[in-house]
Amino acid sequence: MEWNITEQENKVLKVEVEGRLVAAVAPNLREEVLGRISEGVNVLFDLSKMVHIDSSGLGVLVQVLQKTKACGGKMVLAALQPGPKIVFDITKVSRVFEIVPTVADAKF
């Protein structure tokens, strides 16, 4: 799995995830993203290239959401693909996140 984190305008941290967000890589992604969240920072996950997610990956997203909210920010997941979406639906975590069809649809 690969990821790219960039700081966008208006205090938006964009996290592009490619491949499989699973236990082997989840701790590293969690550490890097959580380390960049500060007061008022919003987080946008571009999941257009994520092909699989397991419970560890979901845990990372939940932890990032919690810290983002605690710091007064908002988190949006964009472009969730059909395979990973099944995991979100089965576990019902899709109720917890704001999920939009495309990156352009994310509003902060």
Protein backbone atom coordinates (compact mmCIF):
# COMPACT_ATOMS: atom_id res chain seq x y z
CA MET A 1 0.00 0.00 0.00
CA GLU A 2 1.09 3.53 -0.71
CA TRP A 3 -0.20 6.86 0.48
CA ASN A 4 0.44 10.50 -0.23
CA ILE A 5 -0.39 13.28 2.22
CA THR A 6 -0.58 16.88 1.06
CA GLU A 7 -1.74 20.08 2.69
CA GLN A 8 -4.41 21.81 0.63
CA GLU A 9 -5.97 25.24 0.94
CA ASN A 10 -8.19 26.10 3.90
CA LYS A 11 -6.38 23.80 6.36
CA VAL A 12 -7.35 20.61 4.51
CA LEU A 13 -5.06 17.60 4.83
CA LYS A 14 -5.58 15.36 1.78
CA VAL A 15 -4.68 11.70 2.24
CA GLU A 16 -4.58 9.64 -0.95
CA VAL A 17 -4.62 5.90 -0.27
CA GLU A 18 -3.63 3.36 -2.92
CA GLY A 19 -3.84 -0.42 -2.60
CA ARG A 20 -4.74 -2.36 0.53
CA LEU A 21 -5.23 -0.61 3.88
CA VAL A 22 -4.55 -3.59 6.15
CA ALA A 23 -2.89 -4.47 9.47
CA ALA A 24 0.63 -4.54 8.01
CA VAL A 25 0.56 -0.84 7.08
CA ALA A 26 -2.22 0.66 9.20
CA PRO A 27 -0.02 1.68 12.19
CA ASN A 28 2.36 3.66 9.97
CA LEU A 29 -0.46 5.51 8.22
CA ARG A 30 -2.18 6.20 11.54
CA GLU A 31 1.00 7.64 13.07
CA GLU A 32 1.70 9.87 10.08
CA VAL A 33 -1.83 11.24 9.73
CA LEU A 34 -2.46 11.75 13.45
CA GLY A 35 0.86 13.57 13.70
CA ARG A 36 -0.30 16.13 11.16
CA ILE A 37 -3.69 16.92 12.68
CA SER A 38 -3.89 20.09 14.72
CA GLU A 39 -6.53 22.60 15.74
CA GLY A 40 -9.02 23.34 12.95
CA VAL A 41 -7.49 20.96 10.40
CA ASN A 42 -9.92 19.13 8.11
CA VAL A 43 -9.04 15.73 6.63
CA LEU A 44 -10.00 14.46 3.18
CA PHE A 45 -9.33 10.81 2.38
CA ASP A 46 -9.20 10.14 -1.37
CA LEU A 47 -10.02 6.42 -1.53
CA SER A 48 -10.37 6.19 -5.32
CA LYS A 49 -7.37 3.83 -5.53
CA MET A 50 -7.96 1.83 -2.35
CA VAL A 51 -8.89 -1.73 -3.32
CA HIS A 52 -9.27 -3.36 0.12
CA ILE A 53 -9.60 -2.46 3.78
CA ASP A 54 -9.60 -4.65 6.89
CA SER A 55 -10.55 -3.96 10.51
CA SER A 56 -7.16 -2.39 11.22
CA GLY A 57 -7.68 0.03 8.35
CA LEU A 58 -11.16 0.89 9.59
CA GLY A 59 -9.64 1.47 13.02
CA VAL A 60 -7.22 4.01 11.57
CA LEU A 61 -10.07 5.90 9.91
CA VAL A 62 -12.07 5.95 13.17
CA GLN A 63 -9.05 7.21 15.15
CA VAL A 64 -8.37 9.94 12.59
CA LEU A 65 -12.05 10.95 12.70
CA GLN A 66 -11.98 11.15 16.51
CA LYS A 67 -8.85 13.30 16.61
CA THR A 68 -10.07 15.52 13.78
CA LYS A 69 -13.36 16.18 15.59
CA ALA A 70 -11.55 16.73 18.90
CA CYS A 71 -9.44 19.41 17.18
CA GLY A 72 -12.52 21.13 15.73
CA GLY A 73 -12.12 19.80 12.20
CA LYS A 74 -14.15 17.71 9.82
CA MET A 75 -13.26 14.49 8.01
CA VAL A 76 -14.64 13.33 4.66
CA LEU A 77 -14.08 10.07 2.78
CA ALA A 78 -14.24 10.43 -1.00
CA ALA A 79 -14.52 7.99 -3.91
CA LEU A 80 -15.01 4.80 -1.87
CA GLN A 81 -14.77 1.89 -4.31
CA PRO A 82 -17.27 -1.03 -4.44
CA GLY A 83 -15.00 -3.65 -2.83
CA PRO A 84 -14.10 -1.62 0.27
CA LYS A 85 -17.66 -0.24 0.42
CA ILE A 86 -18.91 -3.76 1.19
CA VAL A 87 -16.72 -3.80 4.32
CA PHE A 88 -18.07 -0.39 5.37
CA ASP A 89 -21.66 -1.57 4.86
CA ILE A 90 -21.26 -4.94 6.61
CA THR A 91 -19.62 -3.35 9.64
CA LYS A 92 -22.05 -0.41 9.52
CA VAL A 93 -19.22 2.13 9.89
CA SER A 94 -20.58 3.89 6.81
CA ARG A 95 -23.01 5.50 9.28
CA VAL A 96 -20.12 7.06 11.17
CA PHE A 97 -18.39 8.77 8.25
CA GLU A 98 -19.35 11.43 5.76
CA ILE A 99 -18.79 9.66 2.42
CA VAL A 100 -19.04 11.53 -0.88
CA PRO A 101 -18.85 10.15 -4.45
CA THR A 102 -15.83 12.19 -5.59
CA VAL A 103 -13.05 14.36 -4.16
CA ALA A 104 -14.69 17.38 -5.79
CA ASP A 105 -17.87 16.69 -3.76
CA ALA A 106 -16.06 17.12 -0.43
CA LYS A 107 -17.07 20.39 1.22
CA PHE A 108 -15.39 21.90 4.25
